[in-house]
Amino acid sequence: MTDFEAWQADGAAYGWIMPRSNWLMQWPIIRHFRAFCLAVKVRKHEEFYRALGTIPTGYDKWVIWGIAHGKERRYD
């Protein structure tokens, strides 16, 4: 199973959908920069909530992978 197939399977299994973004945010350089910045924020967020005893769902990392690979939905 490829990474993309595993990503799709996770989305289907949990009912997750990608957020929408405009066309400019989906350019390769911009989307990779956004994914990096979001990954830093998600890491801090998860560290804080793990300290409180909660377990992350994985949705945030799923979305970051989708952003980095250009899988966001477009506004129509």
PDB file of N, CA and C in Angstrom:
ATOM      1  N   MET A   1       0.844  -1.170   0.000  1.00  0.00           N
ATOM      2  CA  MET A   1       0.000   0.000   0.000  1.00  0.00           C
ATOM      3  C   MET A   1       0.899   1.245   0.000  1.00  0.00           C
ATOM      4  N   THR A   2       0.630   2.163  -0.904  1.00  0.00           N
ATOM      5  CA  THR A   2       1.420   3.392  -0.986  1.00  0.00           C
ATOM      6  C   THR A   2       0.999   4.358   0.123  1.00  0.00           C
ATOM      7  N   ASP A   3       1.801   5.399   0.310  1.00  0.00           N
ATOM      8  CA  ASP A   3       1.470   6.412   1.319  1.00  0.00           C
ATOM      9  C   ASP A   3       0.137   7.077   1.006  1.00  0.00           C
ATOM     10  N   PHE A   4      -0.098   7.357  -0.276  1.00  0.00           N
ATOM     11  CA  PHE A   4      -1.356   8.006  -0.661  1.00  0.00           C
ATOM     12  C   PHE A   4      -2.550   7.105  -0.390  1.00  0.00           C
ATOM     13  N   GLU A   5      -2.426   5.828  -0.694  1.00  0.00           N
ATOM     14  CA  GLU A   5      -3.521   4.893  -0.426  1.00  0.00           C
ATOM     15  C   GLU A   5      -3.786   4.777   1.071  1.00  0.00           C
ATOM     16  N   ALA A   6      -2.730   4.745   1.873  1.00  0.00           N
ATOM     17  CA  ALA A   6      -2.896   4.685   3.328  1.00  0.00           C
ATOM     18  C   ALA A   6      -3.557   5.963   3.840  1.00  0.00           C
ATOM     19  N   TRP A   7      -3.166   7.108   3.273  1.00  0.00           N
ATOM     20  CA  TRP A   7      -3.762   8.381   3.651  1.00  0.00           C
ATOM     21  C   TRP A   7      -5.253   8.395   3.316  1.00  0.00           C
ATOM     22  N   GLN A   8      -5.603   7.932   2.120  1.00  0.00           N
ATOM     23  CA  GLN A   8      -7.008   7.863   1.718  1.00  0.00           C
ATOM     24  C   GLN A   8      -7.792   6.912   2.616  1.00  0.00           C
ATOM     25  N   ALA A   9      -7.196   5.778   2.938  1.00  0.00           N
ATOM     26  CA  ALA A   9      -7.870   4.798   3.790  1.00  0.00           C
ATOM     27  C   ALA A   9      -8.137   5.377   5.179  1.00  0.00           C
ATOM     28  N   ASP A  10      -7.172   6.099   5.731  1.00  0.00           N
ATOM     29  CA  ASP A  10      -7.385   6.730   7.041  1.00  0.00           C
ATOM     30  C   ASP A  10      -8.513   7.747   6.971  1.00  0.00           C
ATOM     31  N   GLY A  11      -8.526   8.545   5.929  1.00  0.00           N
ATOM     32  CA  GLY A  11      -9.588   9.532   5.767  1.00  0.00           C
ATOM     33  C   GLY A  11     -10.953   8.889   5.647  1.00  0.00           C
ATOM     34  N   ALA A  12     -11.045   7.812   4.899  1.00  0.00           N
ATOM     35  CA  ALA A  12     -12.325   7.120   4.728  1.00  0.00           C
ATOM     36  C   ALA A  12     -12.753   6.421   6.016  1.00  0.00           C
ATOM     37  N   ALA A  13     -11.804   5.833   6.723  1.00  0.00           N
ATOM     38  CA  ALA A  13     -12.128   5.095   7.940  1.00  0.00           C
ATOM     39  C   ALA A  13     -12.670   6.008   9.038  1.00  0.00           C
ATOM     40  N   TYR A  14     -12.133   7.205   9.135  1.00  0.00           N
ATOM     41  CA  TYR A  14     -12.533   8.120  10.199  1.00  0.00           C
ATOM     42  C   TYR A  14     -13.491   9.206   9.741  1.00  0.00           C
ATOM     43  N   GLY A  15     -13.788   9.262   8.459  1.00  0.00           N
ATOM     44  CA  GLY A  15     -14.712  10.263   7.940  1.00  0.00           C
ATOM     45  C   GLY A  15     -14.107  11.654   7.855  1.00  0.00           C
ATOM     46  N   TRP A  16     -12.796  11.725   7.721  1.00  0.00           N
ATOM     47  CA  TRP A  16     -12.100  13.005   7.654  1.00  0.00           C
ATOM     48  C   TRP A  16     -12.156  13.561   6.244  1.00  0.00           C
ATOM     49  N   ILE A  17     -12.283  14.880   6.127  1.00  0.00           N
ATOM     50  CA  ILE A  17     -12.208  15.545   4.831  1.00  0.00           C
ATOM     51  C   ILE A  17     -11.195  16.681   4.946  1.00  0.00           C
ATOM     52  N   MET A  18     -10.554  16.980   3.849  1.00  0.00           N
ATOM     53  CA  MET A  18      -9.562  18.044   3.829  1.00  0.00           C
ATOM     54  C   MET A  18     -10.256  19.403   3.854  1.00  0.00           C
ATOM     55  N   PRO A  19      -9.642  20.373   4.526  1.00  0.00           N
ATOM     56  CA  PRO A  19     -10.196  21.731   4.486  1.00  0.00           C
ATOM     57  C   PRO A  19     -10.009  22.349   3.105  1.00  0.00           C
ATOM     58  N   ARG A  20     -10.700  23.442   2.888  1.00  0.00           N
ATOM     59  CA  ARG A  20     -10.600  24.137   1.600  1.00  0.00           C
ATOM     60  C   ARG A  20      -9.509  25.201   1.660  1.00  0.00           C
ATOM     61  N   SER A  21      -8.932  25.495   0.503  1.00  0.00           N
ATOM     62  CA  SER A  21      -7.995  26.608   0.392  1.00  0.00           C
ATOM     63  C   SER A  21      -8.084  27.179  -1.014  1.00  0.00           C
ATOM     64  N   ASN A  22      -7.597  28.392  -1.167  1.00  0.00           N
ATOM     65  CA  ASN A  22      -7.635  28.993  -2.503  1.00  0.00           C
ATOM     66  C   ASN A  22      -6.447  28.499  -3.334  1.00  0.00           C
ATOM     67  N   TRP A  23      -6.451  28.844  -4.582  1.00  0.00           N
ATOM     68  CA  TRP A  23      -5.444  28.314  -5.518  1.00  0.00           C
ATOM     69  C   TRP A  23      -4.038  28.765  -5.172  1.00  0.00           C
ATOM     70  N   LEU A  24      -3.894  29.967  -4.629  1.00  0.00           N
ATOM     71  CA  LEU A  24      -2.565  30.476  -4.300  1.00  0.00           C
ATOM     72  C   LEU A  24      -1.903  29.646  -3.190  1.00  0.00           C
ATOM     73  N   MET A  25      -2.687  29.216  -2.221  1.00  0.00           N
ATOM     74  CA  MET A  25      -2.149  28.434  -1.110  1.00  0.00           C
ATOM     75  C   MET A  25      -1.748  27.017  -1.530  1.00  0.00           C
ATOM     76  N   GLN A  26      -2.105  26.617  -2.732  1.00  0.00           N
ATOM     77  CA  GLN A  26      -1.784  25.266  -3.196  1.00  0.00           C
ATOM     78  C   GLN A  26      -0.558  25.222  -4.101  1.00  0.00           C
ATOM     79  N   TRP A  27       0.105  26.346  -4.300  1.00  0.00           N
ATOM     80  CA  TRP A  27       1.352  26.334  -5.059  1.00  0.00           C
ATOM     81  C   TRP A  27       2.383  25.529  -4.280  1.00  0.00           C
ATOM     82  N   PRO A  28       3.249  24.783  -4.960  1.00  0.00           N
ATOM     83  CA  PRO A  28       4.173  23.871  -4.264  1.00  0.00           C
ATOM     84  C   PRO A  28       5.022  24.503  -3.162  1.00  0.00           C
ATOM     85  N   ILE A  29       5.678  25.612  -3.422  1.00  0.00           N
ATOM     86  CA  ILE A  29       6.543  26.217  -2.402  1.00  0.00           C
ATOM     87  C   ILE A  29       5.705  26.682  -1.211  1.00  0.00           C
ATOM     88  N   ILE A  30       4.584  27.316  -1.495  1.00  0.00           N
ATOM     89  CA  ILE A  30       3.730  27.841  -0.433  1.00  0.00           C
ATOM     90  C   ILE A  30       3.143  26.716   0.401  1.00  0.00           C
ATOM     91  N   ARG A  31       2.652  25.660  -0.252  1.00  0.00           N
ATOM     92  CA  ARG A  31       2.028  24.585   0.518  1.00  0.00           C
ATOM     93  C   ARG A  31       3.041  23.848   1.388  1.00  0.00           C
ATOM     94  N   HIS A  32       4.283  23.708   0.920  1.00  0.00           N
ATOM     95  CA  HIS A  32       5.297  23.059   1.754  1.00  0.00           C
ATOM     96  C   HIS A  32       5.675  23.936   2.950  1.00  0.00           C
ATOM     97  N   PHE A  33       5.756  25.233   2.739  1.00  0.00           N
ATOM     98  CA  PHE A  33       6.028  26.147   3.843  1.00  0.00           C
ATOM     99  C   PHE A  33       4.887  26.118   4.850  1.00  0.00           C
ATOM    100  N   ARG A  34       3.656  26.132   4.370  1.00  0.00           N
ATOM    101  CA  ARG A  34       2.494  26.053   5.261  1.00  0.00           C
ATOM    102  C   ARG A  34       2.496  24.758   6.050  1.00  0.00           C
ATOM    103  N   ALA A  35       2.800  23.648   5.389  1.00  0.00           N
ATOM    104  CA  ALA A  35       2.821  22.354   6.071  1.00  0.00           C
ATOM    105  C   ALA A  35       3.876  22.341   7.172  1.00  0.00           C
ATOM    106  N   PHE A  36       5.040  22.931   6.896  1.00  0.00           N
ATOM    107  CA  PHE A  36       6.101  22.989   7.901  1.00  0.00           C
ATOM    108  C   PHE A  36       5.661  23.818   9.103  1.00  0.00           C
ATOM    109  N   CYS A  37       5.121  25.006   8.851  1.00  0.00           N
ATOM    110  CA  CYS A  37       4.678  25.873   9.949  1.00  0.00           C
ATOM    111  C   CYS A  37       3.571  25.223  10.771  1.00  0.00           C
ATOM    112  N   LEU A  38       2.641  24.589  10.099  1.00  0.00           N
ATOM    113  CA  LEU A  38       1.559  23.906  10.810  1.00  0.00           C
ATOM    114  C   LEU A  38       2.072  22.718  11.609  1.00  0.00           C
ATOM    115  N   ALA A  39       3.064  22.014  11.081  1.00  0.00           N
ATOM    116  CA  ALA A  39       3.624  20.876  11.809  1.00  0.00           C
ATOM    117  C   ALA A  39       4.256  21.329  13.121  1.00  0.00           C
ATOM    118  N   VAL A  40       4.918  22.478  13.098  1.00  0.00           N
ATOM    119  CA  VAL A  40       5.514  23.015  14.328  1.00  0.00           C
ATOM    120  C   VAL A  40       4.415  23.350  15.341  1.00  0.00           C
ATOM    121  N   LYS A  41       3.351  23.998  14.862  1.00  0.00           N
ATOM    122  CA  LYS A  41       2.241  24.356  15.754  1.00  0.00           C
ATOM    123  C   LYS A  41       1.546  23.116  16.311  1.00  0.00           C
ATOM    124  N   VAL A  42       1.340  22.116  15.472  1.00  0.00           N
ATOM    125  CA  VAL A  42       0.673  20.893  15.915  1.00  0.00           C
ATOM    126  C   VAL A  42       1.521  20.162  16.952  1.00  0.00           C
ATOM    127  N   ARG A  43       2.814  20.156  16.755  1.00  0.00           N
ATOM    128  CA  ARG A  43       3.693  19.493  17.724  1.00  0.00           C
ATOM    129  C   ARG A  43       3.582  20.144  19.102  1.00  0.00           C
ATOM    130  N   LYS A  44       3.604  21.472  19.137  1.00  0.00           N
ATOM    131  CA  LYS A  44       3.452  22.184  20.409  1.00  0.00           C
ATOM    132  C   LYS A  44       2.082  21.923  21.026  1.00  0.00           C
ATOM    133  N   HIS A  45       1.066  21.942  20.193  1.00  0.00           N
ATOM    134  CA  HIS A  45      -0.307  21.699  20.638  1.00  0.00           C
ATOM    135  C   HIS A  45      -0.442  20.296  21.239  1.00  0.00           C
ATOM    136  N   GLU A  46       0.098  19.295  20.546  1.00  0.00           N
ATOM    137  CA  GLU A  46       0.005  17.923  21.036  1.00  0.00           C
ATOM    138  C   GLU A  46       0.805  17.716  22.316  1.00  0.00           C
ATOM    139  N   GLU A  47       1.977  18.357  22.424  1.00  0.00           N
ATOM    140  CA  GLU A  47       2.761  18.246  23.652  1.00  0.00           C
ATOM    141  C   GLU A  47       1.986  18.803  24.844  1.00  0.00           C
ATOM    142  N   PHE A  48       1.321  19.932  24.649  1.00  0.00           N
ATOM    143  CA  PHE A  48       0.542  20.534  25.722  1.00  0.00           C
ATOM    144  C   PHE A  48      -0.583  19.607  26.165  1.00  0.00           C
ATOM    145  N   TYR A  49      -1.345  19.075  25.203  1.00  0.00           N
ATOM    146  CA  TYR A  49      -2.487  18.245  25.566  1.00  0.00           C
ATOM    147  C   TYR A  49      -2.086  16.855  26.044  1.00  0.00           C
ATOM    148  N   ARG A  50      -0.942  16.346  25.600  1.00  0.00           N
ATOM    149  CA  ARG A  50      -0.450  15.086  26.151  1.00  0.00           C
ATOM    150  C   ARG A  50      -0.079  15.245  27.616  1.00  0.00           C
ATOM    151  N   ALA A  51       0.433  16.420  27.966  1.00  0.00           N
ATOM    152  CA  ALA A  51       0.755  16.687  29.375  1.00  0.00           C
ATOM    153  C   ALA A  51      -0.504  16.674  30.240  1.00  0.00           C
ATOM    154  N   LEU A  52      -1.635  16.984  29.637  1.00  0.00           N
ATOM    155  CA  LEU A  52      -2.911  16.934  30.362  1.00  0.00           C
ATOM    156  C   LEU A  52      -3.514  15.534  30.377  1.00  0.00           C
ATOM    157  N   GLY A  53      -2.906  14.610  29.632  1.00  0.00           N
ATOM    158  CA  GLY A  53      -3.360  13.228  29.635  1.00  0.00           C
ATOM    159  C   GLY A  53      -4.275  12.836  28.491  1.00  0.00           C
ATOM    160  N   THR A  54      -4.369  13.641  27.450  1.00  0.00           N
ATOM    161  CA  THR A  54      -5.209  13.278  26.307  1.00  0.00           C
ATOM    162  C   THR A  54      -4.360  12.660  25.198  1.00  0.00           C
ATOM    163  N   ILE A  55      -5.024  11.977  24.295  1.00  0.00           N
ATOM    164  CA  ILE A  55      -4.348  11.320  23.179  1.00  0.00           C
ATOM    165  C   ILE A  55      -4.796  11.984  21.882  1.00  0.00           C
ATOM    166  N   PRO A  56      -3.855  12.434  21.031  1.00  0.00           N
ATOM    167  CA  PRO A  56      -4.239  13.068  19.766  1.00  0.00           C
ATOM    168  C   PRO A  56      -4.923  12.071  18.824  1.00  0.00           C
ATOM    169  N   THR A  57      -5.829  12.582  18.006  1.00  0.00           N
ATOM    170  CA  THR A  57      -6.578  11.725  17.086  1.00  0.00           C
ATOM    171  C   THR A  57      -5.804  11.392  15.826  1.00  0.00           C
ATOM    172  N   GLY A  58      -4.868  12.239  15.431  1.00  0.00           N
ATOM    173  CA  GLY A  58      -4.133  12.035  14.196  1.00  0.00           C
ATOM    174  C   GLY A  58      -4.662  12.861  13.041  1.00  0.00           C
ATOM    175  N   TYR A  59      -5.799  13.526  13.260  1.00  0.00           N
ATOM    176  CA  TYR A  59      -6.390  14.332  12.190  1.00  0.00           C
ATOM    177  C   TYR A  59      -5.453  15.452  11.755  1.00  0.00           C
ATOM    178  N   ASP A  60      -4.827  16.112  12.707  1.00  0.00           N
ATOM    179  CA  ASP A  60      -3.941  17.230  12.369  1.00  0.00           C
ATOM    180  C   ASP A  60      -2.798  16.777  11.466  1.00  0.00           C
ATOM    181  N   LYS A  61      -2.180  15.674  11.797  1.00  0.00           N
ATOM    182  CA  LYS A  61      -1.075  15.164  10.977  1.00  0.00           C
ATOM    183  C   LYS A  61      -1.579  14.691   9.616  1.00  0.00           C
ATOM    184  N   TRP A  62      -2.789  14.166   9.580  1.00  0.00           N
ATOM    185  CA  TRP A  62      -3.400  13.740   8.319  1.00  0.00           C
ATOM    186  C   TRP A  62      -3.604  14.951   7.404  1.00  0.00           C
ATOM    187  N   VAL A  63      -4.078  16.057   7.980  1.00  0.00           N
ATOM    188  CA  VAL A  63      -4.291  17.277   7.202  1.00  0.00           C
ATOM    189  C   VAL A  63      -2.960  17.848   6.728  1.00  0.00           C
ATOM    190  N   ILE A  64      -1.949  17.844   7.588  1.00  0.00           N
ATOM    191  CA  ILE A  64      -0.638  18.369   7.198  1.00  0.00           C
ATOM    192  C   ILE A  64      -0.075  17.568   6.034  1.00  0.00           C
ATOM    193  N   TRP A  65      -0.201  16.252   6.067  1.00  0.00           N
ATOM    194  CA  TRP A  65       0.272  15.424   4.953  1.00  0.00           C
ATOM    195  C   TRP A  65      -0.476  15.802   3.673  1.00  0.00           C
ATOM    196  N   GLY A  66      -1.784  15.992   3.790  1.00  0.00           N
ATOM    197  CA  GLY A  66      -2.580  16.379   2.629  1.00  0.00           C
ATOM    198  C   GLY A  66      -2.185  17.734   2.072  1.00  0.00           C
ATOM    199  N   ILE A  67      -1.905  18.695   2.955  1.00  0.00           N
ATOM    200  CA  ILE A  67      -1.471  20.016   2.501  1.00  0.00           C
ATOM    201  C   ILE A  67      -0.147  19.901   1.763  1.00  0.00           C
ATOM    202  N   ALA A  68       0.798  19.180   2.340  1.00  0.00           N
ATOM    203  CA  ALA A  68       2.125  19.049   1.724  1.00  0.00           C
ATOM    204  C   ALA A  68       2.065  18.377   0.359  1.00  0.00           C
ATOM    205  N   HIS A  69       1.049  17.553   0.128  1.00  0.00           N
ATOM    206  CA  HIS A  69       0.942  16.832  -1.143  1.00  0.00           C
ATOM    207  C   HIS A  69      -0.134  17.399  -2.060  1.00  0.00           C
ATOM    208  N   GLY A  70      -0.673  18.585  -1.717  1.00  0.00           N
ATOM    209  CA  GLY A  70      -1.611  19.272  -2.600  1.00  0.00           C
ATOM    210  C   GLY A  70      -2.981  18.638  -2.681  1.00  0.00           C
ATOM    211  N   LYS A  71      -3.473  18.086  -1.591  1.00  0.00           N
ATOM    212  CA  LYS A  71      -4.761  17.392  -1.604  1.00  0.00           C
ATOM    213  C   LYS A  71      -5.899  18.204  -1.025  1.00  0.00           C
ATOM    214  N   GLU A  72      -5.671  19.499  -0.797  1.00  0.00           N
ATOM    215  CA  GLU A  72      -6.747  20.337  -0.259  1.00  0.00           C
ATOM    216  C   GLU A  72      -7.837  20.527  -1.295  1.00  0.00           C
ATOM    217  N   ARG A  73      -9.063  20.708  -0.785  1.00  0.00           N
ATOM    218  CA  ARG A  73     -10.173  20.973  -1.687  1.00  0.00           C
ATOM    219  C   ARG A  73     -10.131  22.445  -2.086  1.00  0.00           C
ATOM    220  N   ARG A  74     -10.565  22.751  -3.292  1.00  0.00           N
ATOM    221  CA  ARG A  74     -10.568  24.131  -3.774  1.00  0.00           C
ATOM    222  C   ARG A  74     -11.943  24.756  -3.597  1.00  0.00           C
ATOM    223  N   TYR A  75     -11.904  26.063  -3.430  1.00  0.00           N
ATOM    224  CA  TYR A  75     -13.164  26.815  -3.428  1.00  0.00           C
ATOM    225  C   TYR A  75     -13.691  26.842  -4.855  1.00  0.00           C
ATOM    226  N   ASP A  76     -14.961  26.598  -5.011  1.00  0.00           N
ATOM    227  CA  ASP A  76     -15.572  26.646  -6.353  1.00  0.00           C
ATOM    228  C   ASP A  76     -16.445  27.843  -6.518  1.00  0.00           C
TER     229      ASP A  76
END
